[in-house]
């Protein structure tokens, strides 16, 4: 009998761009991809944080370089990607949240959040895909979305709008680029303990709302996202595109 062979989760020989990796989920995913064998280009706005991460990754014997970049600057993104060798993997963890009641949303905050979470994600995917198609190479494009791409949340109308948009964008781009061997997916976490979410956990009322929704009885840690990032980047997920991995501790099970 000829037994089937499990596809590899290894990323040796692959080039990965991780956007928004100066802290939190993005940093954890950059570490996960580097540990799995990819050469990781570390990208975010805070160059000093990237250099520190780069040094730590190199100290582990893994491979990385640094490319400071603001994903909301579409022209800069397109130039940087066009000037680089094609990336086999994109993991976009760049994100912004400015929560508040819908009646108090102002245009500058709306534009800032959508500029990074939706517009930035759209054109970063486009830039990576153009380069892959020109090189006749397959690839895996992964965006860190949110459970809020499938439900609503208090004081999160703008954030939810961007994440719902990312989910729709992902499906459409997957349909268009599948013929080129380019897979497009998202990871949808629940609340993860990071600097971005810490103020929410410090509010007793908001924390109670979160814990009431979570079925596993705990919020997430960045380590909970790392395995999913490697899976979607690797051949182990070769048949997945246009969909999401819901890491929500049961939030959306109701």
C-alpha atoms as a PDB file:
ATOM      1  CA  UNK A   1       0.000   0.000   0.000  1.00  0.00           C
ATOM      2  CA  UNK A   2       1.240   3.464  -0.878  1.00  0.00           C
ATOM      3  CA  UNK A   3       0.410   5.737   2.042  1.00  0.00           C
ATOM      4  CA  UNK A   4      -0.357   9.439   1.548  1.00  0.00           C
ATOM      5  CA  UNK A   5       2.238  11.919   2.758  1.00  0.00           C
ATOM      6  CA  UNK A   6       1.343  14.894   4.930  1.00  0.00           C
ATOM      7  CA  UNK A   7       2.118  18.167   3.111  1.00  0.00           C
ATOM      8  CA  UNK A   8       4.948  20.100   4.687  1.00  0.00           C
ATOM      9  CA  UNK A   9       4.398  22.951   7.089  1.00  0.00           C
ATOM     10  CA  UNK A  10       7.977  24.070   6.429  1.00  0.00           C
ATOM     11  CA  UNK A  11       8.693  27.307   4.566  1.00  0.00           C
ATOM     12  CA  UNK A  12      12.332  26.752   3.653  1.00  0.00           C
ATOM     13  CA  UNK A  13      13.366  28.727   0.569  1.00  0.00           C
ATOM     14  CA  UNK A  14      10.281  30.967   0.743  1.00  0.00           C
ATOM     15  CA  UNK A  15      10.309  34.760   0.958  1.00  0.00           C
ATOM     16  CA  UNK A  16       7.727  36.346   3.244  1.00  0.00           C
ATOM     17  CA  UNK A  17       6.731  39.959   3.764  1.00  0.00           C
ATOM     18  CA  UNK A  18       5.127  40.612   7.146  1.00  0.00           C
ATOM     19  CA  UNK A  19       3.516  44.036   7.422  1.00  0.00           C
ATOM     20  CA  UNK A  20       2.690  45.560  10.781  1.00  0.00           C
ATOM     21  CA  UNK A  21       5.133  43.369  12.671  1.00  0.00           C
ATOM     22  CA  UNK A  22       6.672  45.854  15.100  1.00  0.00           C
ATOM     23  CA  UNK A  23       4.517  44.453  17.920  1.00  0.00           C
ATOM     24  CA  UNK A  24       1.611  42.191  18.840  1.00  0.00           C
ATOM     25  CA  UNK A  25       0.143  39.717  16.377  1.00  0.00           C
ATOM     26  CA  UNK A  26       2.364  40.818  13.502  1.00  0.00           C
ATOM     27  CA  UNK A  27       5.526  40.322  15.517  1.00  0.00           C
ATOM     28  CA  UNK A  28       4.414  36.848  16.591  1.00  0.00           C
ATOM     29  CA  UNK A  29       3.587  35.865  13.014  1.00  0.00           C
ATOM     30  CA  UNK A  30       6.949  37.119  11.763  1.00  0.00           C
ATOM     31  CA  UNK A  31       8.657  34.934  14.354  1.00  0.00           C
ATOM     32  CA  UNK A  32       6.506  31.937  13.392  1.00  0.00           C
ATOM     33  CA  UNK A  33       7.295  32.237   9.681  1.00  0.00           C
ATOM     34  CA  UNK A  34      11.010  32.721  10.337  1.00  0.00           C
ATOM     35  CA  UNK A  35      11.073  29.713  12.662  1.00  0.00           C
ATOM     36  CA  UNK A  36       9.384  27.644   9.918  1.00  0.00           C
ATOM     37  CA  UNK A  37      12.259  28.468   7.549  1.00  0.00           C
ATOM     38  CA  UNK A  38      11.103  31.509   5.571  1.00  0.00           C
ATOM     39  CA  UNK A  39      13.261  34.546   4.944  1.00  0.00           C
ATOM     40  CA  UNK A  40      11.104  37.275   6.470  1.00  0.00           C
ATOM     41  CA  UNK A  41      11.078  40.936   5.474  1.00  0.00           C
ATOM     42  CA  UNK A  42       9.981  42.849   8.545  1.00  0.00           C
ATOM     43  CA  UNK A  43       7.807  45.828   7.700  1.00  0.00           C
ATOM     44  CA  UNK A  44       6.067  48.503   9.774  1.00  0.00           C
ATOM     45  CA  UNK A  45       6.211  52.224  10.440  1.00  0.00           C
ATOM     46  CA  UNK A  46       8.415  52.008  13.551  1.00  0.00           C
ATOM     47  CA  UNK A  47      11.887  51.320  12.193  1.00  0.00           C
ATOM     48  CA  UNK A  48      13.519  51.082  15.640  1.00  0.00           C
ATOM     49  CA  UNK A  49      11.161  48.277  16.660  1.00  0.00           C
ATOM     50  CA  UNK A  50      11.896  46.424  13.421  1.00  0.00           C
ATOM     51  CA  UNK A  51      15.641  46.576  13.978  1.00  0.00           C
ATOM     52  CA  UNK A  52      15.247  45.101  17.468  1.00  0.00           C
ATOM     53  CA  UNK A  53      13.099  42.277  16.115  1.00  0.00           C
ATOM     54  CA  UNK A  54      15.539  41.682  13.277  1.00  0.00           C
ATOM     55  CA  UNK A  55      18.400  41.350  15.764  1.00  0.00           C
ATOM     56  CA  UNK A  56      16.451  38.857  17.873  1.00  0.00           C
ATOM     57  CA  UNK A  57      15.503  36.752  14.846  1.00  0.00           C
ATOM     58  CA  UNK A  58      19.095  36.711  13.619  1.00  0.00           C
ATOM     59  CA  UNK A  59      20.249  35.657  17.082  1.00  0.00           C
ATOM     60  CA  UNK A  60      18.037  32.556  16.735  1.00  0.00           C
ATOM     61  CA  UNK A  61      19.799  31.652  13.511  1.00  0.00           C
ATOM     62  CA  UNK A  62      16.765  32.498  11.383  1.00  0.00           C
ATOM     63  CA  UNK A  63      16.672  34.828   8.365  1.00  0.00           C
ATOM     64  CA  UNK A  64      15.198  38.329   8.087  1.00  0.00           C
ATOM     65  CA  UNK A  65      15.685  41.842   6.786  1.00  0.00           C
ATOM     66  CA  UNK A  66      13.992  45.178   7.472  1.00  0.00           C
ATOM     67  CA  UNK A  67      11.838  47.373   5.231  1.00  0.00           C
ATOM     68  CA  UNK A  68      10.114  50.279   7.039  1.00  0.00           C
ATOM     69  CA  UNK A  69       6.793  50.940   5.358  1.00  0.00           C
ATOM     70  CA  UNK A  70       3.404  52.538   6.017  1.00  0.00           C
ATOM     71  CA  UNK A  71       0.732  50.446   4.302  1.00  0.00           C
ATOM     72  CA  UNK A  72      -1.564  53.485   4.026  1.00  0.00           C
ATOM     73  CA  UNK A  73       0.967  55.079   1.637  1.00  0.00           C
ATOM     74  CA  UNK A  74      -0.114  53.238  -1.501  1.00  0.00           C
ATOM     75  CA  UNK A  75       2.538  54.730  -3.783  1.00  0.00           C
ATOM     76  CA  UNK A  76       5.352  53.826  -1.377  1.00  0.00           C
ATOM     77  CA  UNK A  77       4.006  50.289  -0.968  1.00  0.00           C
ATOM     78  CA  UNK A  78       3.764  49.698  -4.693  1.00  0.00           C
ATOM     79  CA  UNK A  79       7.285  50.994  -5.291  1.00  0.00           C
ATOM     80  CA  UNK A  80       8.817  48.972  -2.460  1.00  0.00           C
ATOM     81  CA  UNK A  81       7.191  45.731  -3.625  1.00  0.00           C
ATOM     82  CA  UNK A  82       8.002  46.397  -7.287  1.00  0.00           C
ATOM     83  CA  UNK A  83      11.675  46.972  -6.417  1.00  0.00           C
ATOM     84  CA  UNK A  84      11.946  43.753  -4.391  1.00  0.00           C
ATOM     85  CA  UNK A  85      12.158  40.144  -5.480  1.00  0.00           C
ATOM     86  CA  UNK A  86       8.721  38.462  -5.496  1.00  0.00           C
ATOM     87  CA  UNK A  87       7.376  37.433  -2.111  1.00  0.00           C
ATOM     88  CA  UNK A  88       5.969  33.914  -1.905  1.00  0.00           C
ATOM     89  CA  UNK A  89       4.070  34.862   1.250  1.00  0.00           C
ATOM     90  CA  UNK A  90       2.395  38.027   2.460  1.00  0.00           C
ATOM     91  CA  UNK A  91       1.135  38.292   6.002  1.00  0.00           C
ATOM     92  CA  UNK A  92      -0.482  41.662   6.584  1.00  0.00           C
ATOM     93  CA  UNK A  93      -1.034  42.424  10.260  1.00  0.00           C
ATOM     94  CA  UNK A  94      -1.070  46.213   9.896  1.00  0.00           C
ATOM     95  CA  UNK A  95      -4.180  47.568  11.569  1.00  0.00           C
ATOM     96  CA  UNK A  96      -5.690  50.532  13.370  1.00  0.00           C
ATOM     97  CA  UNK A  97      -8.624  50.900  15.755  1.00  0.00           C
ATOM     98  CA  UNK A  98     -10.237  54.114  16.967  1.00  0.00           C
ATOM     99  CA  UNK A  99     -13.286  52.910  18.814  1.00  0.00           C
ATOM    100  CA  UNK A 100     -16.187  55.064  19.877  1.00  0.00           C
ATOM    101  CA  UNK A 101     -19.941  55.526  19.506  1.00  0.00           C
ATOM    102  CA  UNK A 102     -21.125  55.733  15.903  1.00  0.00           C
ATOM    103  CA  UNK A 103     -22.788  59.082  16.579  1.00  0.00           C
ATOM    104  CA  UNK A 104     -19.396  60.522  17.484  1.00  0.00           C
ATOM    105  CA  UNK A 105     -17.339  59.194  14.554  1.00  0.00           C
ATOM    106  CA  UNK A 106     -15.479  61.960  12.729  1.00  0.00           C
ATOM    107  CA  UNK A 107     -14.167  61.920   9.180  1.00  0.00           C
ATOM    108  CA  UNK A 108     -10.425  62.030  10.051  1.00  0.00           C
ATOM    109  CA  UNK A 109     -10.731  58.937  12.285  1.00  0.00           C
ATOM    110  CA  UNK A 110     -12.844  57.152   9.669  1.00  0.00           C
ATOM    111  CA  UNK A 111     -10.280  57.890   6.967  1.00  0.00           C
ATOM    112  CA  UNK A 112      -7.339  56.832   9.154  1.00  0.00           C
ATOM    113  CA  UNK A 113      -8.868  53.459  10.069  1.00  0.00           C
ATOM    114  CA  UNK A 114     -10.107  52.639   6.575  1.00  0.00           C
ATOM    115  CA  UNK A 115      -6.846  53.857   5.055  1.00  0.00           C
ATOM    116  CA  UNK A 116      -4.866  51.192   6.864  1.00  0.00           C
ATOM    117  CA  UNK A 117      -7.344  48.371   7.481  1.00  0.00           C
ATOM    118  CA  UNK A 118      -9.058  48.293   4.095  1.00  0.00           C
ATOM    119  CA  UNK A 119      -7.406  50.525   1.486  1.00  0.00           C
ATOM    120  CA  UNK A 120      -3.929  49.613   2.691  1.00  0.00           C
ATOM    121  CA  UNK A 121      -4.743  45.894   2.733  1.00  0.00           C
ATOM    122  CA  UNK A 122      -6.300  46.036  -0.721  1.00  0.00           C
ATOM    123  CA  UNK A 123      -3.374  47.681  -2.451  1.00  0.00           C
ATOM    124  CA  UNK A 124      -0.738  45.683  -0.567  1.00  0.00           C
ATOM    125  CA  UNK A 125      -2.373  42.468  -1.794  1.00  0.00           C
ATOM    126  CA  UNK A 126      -2.526  43.942  -5.280  1.00  0.00           C
ATOM    127  CA  UNK A 127       1.166  44.869  -5.295  1.00  0.00           C
ATOM    128  CA  UNK A 128       2.262  41.416  -4.122  1.00  0.00           C
ATOM    129  CA  UNK A 129      -0.035  39.671  -6.619  1.00  0.00           C
ATOM    130  CA  UNK A 130       1.195  41.780  -9.552  1.00  0.00           C
ATOM    131  CA  UNK A 131       4.782  40.840  -8.775  1.00  0.00           C
ATOM    132  CA  UNK A 132       3.955  37.136  -8.437  1.00  0.00           C
ATOM    133  CA  UNK A 133       1.961  37.070 -11.675  1.00  0.00           C
ATOM    134  CA  UNK A 134       4.763  38.823 -13.566  1.00  0.00           C
ATOM    135  CA  UNK A 135       7.206  36.213 -12.259  1.00  0.00           C
ATOM    136  CA  UNK A 136       4.778  33.343 -12.973  1.00  0.00           C
ATOM    137  CA  UNK A 137       4.935  32.226  -9.346  1.00  0.00           C
ATOM    138  CA  UNK A 138       2.232  31.006  -6.948  1.00  0.00           C
ATOM    139  CA  UNK A 139       1.825  32.579  -3.533  1.00  0.00           C
ATOM    140  CA  UNK A 140      -0.132  32.824  -0.307  1.00  0.00           C
ATOM    141  CA  UNK A 141      -1.587  36.169   0.780  1.00  0.00           C
ATOM    142  CA  UNK A 142      -2.843  36.340   4.362  1.00  0.00           C
ATOM    143  CA  UNK A 143      -4.518  39.283   6.083  1.00  0.00           C
ATOM    144  CA  UNK A 144      -5.102  39.474   9.815  1.00  0.00           C
ATOM    145  CA  UNK A 145      -8.799  40.285   9.873  1.00  0.00           C
ATOM    146  CA  UNK A 146     -11.042  39.823  12.917  1.00  0.00           C
ATOM    147  CA  UNK A 147     -14.093  38.064  14.250  1.00  0.00           C
ATOM    148  CA  UNK A 148     -15.546  41.569  13.796  1.00  0.00           C
ATOM    149  CA  UNK A 149     -15.490  40.864  10.065  1.00  0.00           C
ATOM    150  CA  UNK A 150     -18.496  38.589  10.699  1.00  0.00           C
ATOM    151  CA  UNK A 151     -20.330  40.184  13.631  1.00  0.00           C
ATOM    152  CA  UNK A 152     -20.951  43.637  15.047  1.00  0.00           C
ATOM    153  CA  UNK A 153     -19.455  45.106  18.182  1.00  0.00           C
ATOM    154  CA  UNK A 154     -20.210  47.993  20.481  1.00  0.00           C
ATOM    155  CA  UNK A 155     -18.362  51.221  19.610  1.00  0.00           C
ATOM    156  CA  UNK A 156     -16.768  49.453  16.625  1.00  0.00           C
ATOM    157  CA  UNK A 157     -18.806  50.509  13.596  1.00  0.00           C
ATOM    158  CA  UNK A 158     -15.838  51.787  11.603  1.00  0.00           C
ATOM    159  CA  UNK A 159     -13.577  48.898  12.608  1.00  0.00           C
ATOM    160  CA  UNK A 160     -16.311  46.355  11.766  1.00  0.00           C
ATOM    161  CA  UNK A 161     -16.899  48.051   8.421  1.00  0.00           C
ATOM    162  CA  UNK A 162     -13.236  47.688   7.488  1.00  0.00           C
ATOM    163  CA  UNK A 163     -13.026  44.051   8.546  1.00  0.00           C
ATOM    164  CA  UNK A 164     -16.242  43.114   6.751  1.00  0.00           C
ATOM    165  CA  UNK A 165     -14.698  44.843   3.735  1.00  0.00           C
ATOM    166  CA  UNK A 166     -11.491  42.842   4.067  1.00  0.00           C
ATOM    167  CA  UNK A 167     -13.487  39.603   4.076  1.00  0.00           C
ATOM    168  CA  UNK A 168     -15.302  40.572   0.874  1.00  0.00           C
ATOM    169  CA  UNK A 169     -12.087  41.760  -0.758  1.00  0.00           C
ATOM    170  CA  UNK A 170     -10.417  38.455   0.108  1.00  0.00           C
ATOM    171  CA  UNK A 171     -13.136  36.405  -1.571  1.00  0.00           C
ATOM    172  CA  UNK A 172     -13.101  38.514  -4.732  1.00  0.00           C
ATOM    173  CA  UNK A 173      -9.306  38.567  -5.062  1.00  0.00           C
ATOM    174  CA  UNK A 174      -9.180  34.810  -4.489  1.00  0.00           C
ATOM    175  CA  UNK A 175     -11.604  34.296  -7.367  1.00  0.00           C
ATOM    176  CA  UNK A 176      -9.566  36.508  -9.709  1.00  0.00           C
ATOM    177  CA  UNK A 177      -6.102  35.251  -8.792  1.00  0.00           C
ATOM    178  CA  UNK A 178      -6.770  31.545  -8.296  1.00  0.00           C
ATOM    179  CA  UNK A 179      -5.857  30.823 -11.911  1.00  0.00           C
ATOM    180  CA  UNK A 180      -2.361  32.131 -11.155  1.00  0.00           C
ATOM    181  CA  UNK A 181      -1.914  29.842  -8.162  1.00  0.00           C
ATOM    182  CA  UNK A 182      -2.251  32.736  -5.728  1.00  0.00           C
ATOM    183  CA  UNK A 183      -4.241  31.928  -2.610  1.00  0.00           C
ATOM    184  CA  UNK A 184      -5.904  34.712  -0.579  1.00  0.00           C
ATOM    185  CA  UNK A 185      -7.161  34.086   2.958  1.00  0.00           C
ATOM    186  CA  UNK A 186      -7.669  35.758   6.321  1.00  0.00           C
ATOM    187  CA  UNK A 187      -7.165  34.943   9.975  1.00  0.00           C
ATOM    188  CA  UNK A 188     -10.002  36.186  12.199  1.00  0.00           C
ATOM    189  CA  UNK A 189      -8.956  36.334  15.855  1.00  0.00           C
ATOM    190  CA  UNK A 190     -11.055  37.191  18.844  1.00  0.00           C
ATOM    191  CA  UNK A 191      -9.693  39.690  21.356  1.00  0.00           C
ATOM    192  CA  UNK A 192      -5.946  39.130  21.712  1.00  0.00           C
ATOM    193  CA  UNK A 193      -3.918  40.642  24.536  1.00  0.00           C
ATOM    194  CA  UNK A 194      -1.747  43.333  22.883  1.00  0.00           C
ATOM    195  CA  UNK A 195      -0.896  46.972  23.470  1.00  0.00           C
ATOM    196  CA  UNK A 196      -3.763  47.836  21.096  1.00  0.00           C
ATOM    197  CA  UNK A 197      -6.393  45.972  23.109  1.00  0.00           C
ATOM    198  CA  UNK A 198      -5.106  46.627  26.624  1.00  0.00           C
ATOM    199  CA  UNK A 199      -7.347  49.694  27.235  1.00  0.00           C
ATOM    200  CA  UNK A 200     -10.405  47.561  26.465  1.00  0.00           C
ATOM    201  CA  UNK A 201      -9.440  44.951  29.054  1.00  0.00           C
ATOM    202  CA  UNK A 202      -8.898  47.686  31.645  1.00  0.00           C
ATOM    203  CA  UNK A 203     -12.567  48.711  31.355  1.00  0.00           C
ATOM    204  CA  UNK A 204     -14.593  46.363  33.644  1.00  0.00           C
ATOM    205  CA  UNK A 205     -17.808  46.732  31.628  1.00  0.00           C
ATOM    206  CA  UNK A 206     -16.120  45.994  28.310  1.00  0.00           C
ATOM    207  CA  UNK A 207     -14.153  43.114  29.762  1.00  0.00           C
ATOM    208  CA  UNK A 208     -17.388  41.588  31.097  1.00  0.00           C
ATOM    209  CA  UNK A 209     -18.975  41.912  27.644  1.00  0.00           C
ATOM    210  CA  UNK A 210     -15.991  40.116  26.083  1.00  0.00           C
ATOM    211  CA  UNK A 211     -15.879  37.294  28.604  1.00  0.00           C
ATOM    212  CA  UNK A 212     -19.630  36.711  28.247  1.00  0.00           C
ATOM    213  CA  UNK A 213     -19.161  36.138  24.497  1.00  0.00           C
ATOM    214  CA  UNK A 214     -16.089  33.893  24.669  1.00  0.00           C
ATOM    215  CA  UNK A 215     -16.926  30.219  25.137  1.00  0.00           C
ATOM    216  CA  UNK A 216     -13.453  28.969  26.090  1.00  0.00           C
ATOM    217  CA  UNK A 217     -13.282  31.257  29.095  1.00  0.00           C
ATOM    218  CA  UNK A 218     -10.151  33.136  28.118  1.00  0.00           C
ATOM    219  CA  UNK A 219      -9.027  35.784  25.697  1.00  0.00           C
ATOM    220  CA  UNK A 220      -6.332  35.027  23.148  1.00  0.00           C
ATOM    221  CA  UNK A 221      -2.573  35.412  23.291  1.00  0.00           C
ATOM    222  CA  UNK A 222      -0.421  36.162  20.266  1.00  0.00           C
ATOM    223  CA  UNK A 223       0.870  32.584  20.368  1.00  0.00           C
ATOM    224  CA  UNK A 224      -2.644  31.432  19.460  1.00  0.00           C
ATOM    225  CA  UNK A 225      -2.220  33.000  16.011  1.00  0.00           C
ATOM    226  CA  UNK A 226       1.236  31.679  15.163  1.00  0.00           C
ATOM    227  CA  UNK A 227       0.278  28.163  14.074  1.00  0.00           C
ATOM    228  CA  UNK A 228      -2.484  29.450  11.827  1.00  0.00           C
ATOM    229  CA  UNK A 229      -0.077  31.795  10.079  1.00  0.00           C
ATOM    230  CA  UNK A 230       2.334  28.972   9.297  1.00  0.00           C
ATOM    231  CA  UNK A 231      -0.505  26.711   8.134  1.00  0.00           C
ATOM    232  CA  UNK A 232      -1.900  29.278   5.674  1.00  0.00           C
ATOM    233  CA  UNK A 233       1.572  30.170   4.414  1.00  0.00           C
ATOM    234  CA  UNK A 234       2.547  26.541   3.797  1.00  0.00           C
ATOM    235  CA  UNK A 235       1.628  23.745   1.406  1.00  0.00           C
ATOM    236  CA  UNK A 236      -0.447  22.213   4.202  1.00  0.00           C
ATOM    237  CA  UNK A 237      -3.229  24.647   3.222  1.00  0.00           C
ATOM    238  CA  UNK A 238      -2.793  24.282  -0.549  1.00  0.00           C
ATOM    239  CA  UNK A 239      -6.540  23.880  -1.176  1.00  0.00           C
ATOM    240  CA  UNK A 240      -7.614  26.894   0.919  1.00  0.00           C
ATOM    241  CA  UNK A 241      -8.424  30.189  -0.754  1.00  0.00           C
ATOM    242  CA  UNK A 242     -11.104  32.858  -0.478  1.00  0.00           C
ATOM    243  CA  UNK A 243     -11.906  31.928   3.098  1.00  0.00           C
ATOM    244  CA  UNK A 244     -10.894  32.543   6.702  1.00  0.00           C
ATOM    245  CA  UNK A 245      -9.628  30.816   9.818  1.00  0.00           C
ATOM    246  CA  UNK A 246     -11.866  31.831  12.718  1.00  0.00           C
ATOM    247  CA  UNK A 247      -9.810  31.829  15.929  1.00  0.00           C
ATOM    248  CA  UNK A 248     -12.514  33.344  18.100  1.00  0.00           C
ATOM    249  CA  UNK A 249     -12.744  31.011  21.118  1.00  0.00           C
ATOM    250  CA  UNK A 250     -16.357  30.317  20.140  1.00  0.00           C
ATOM    251  CA  UNK A 251     -17.507  33.963  19.877  1.00  0.00           C
ATOM    252  CA  UNK A 252     -19.370  33.450  16.582  1.00  0.00           C
ATOM    253  CA  UNK A 253     -20.761  29.999  17.473  1.00  0.00           C
ATOM    254  CA  UNK A 254     -24.074  31.469  18.644  1.00  0.00           C
END
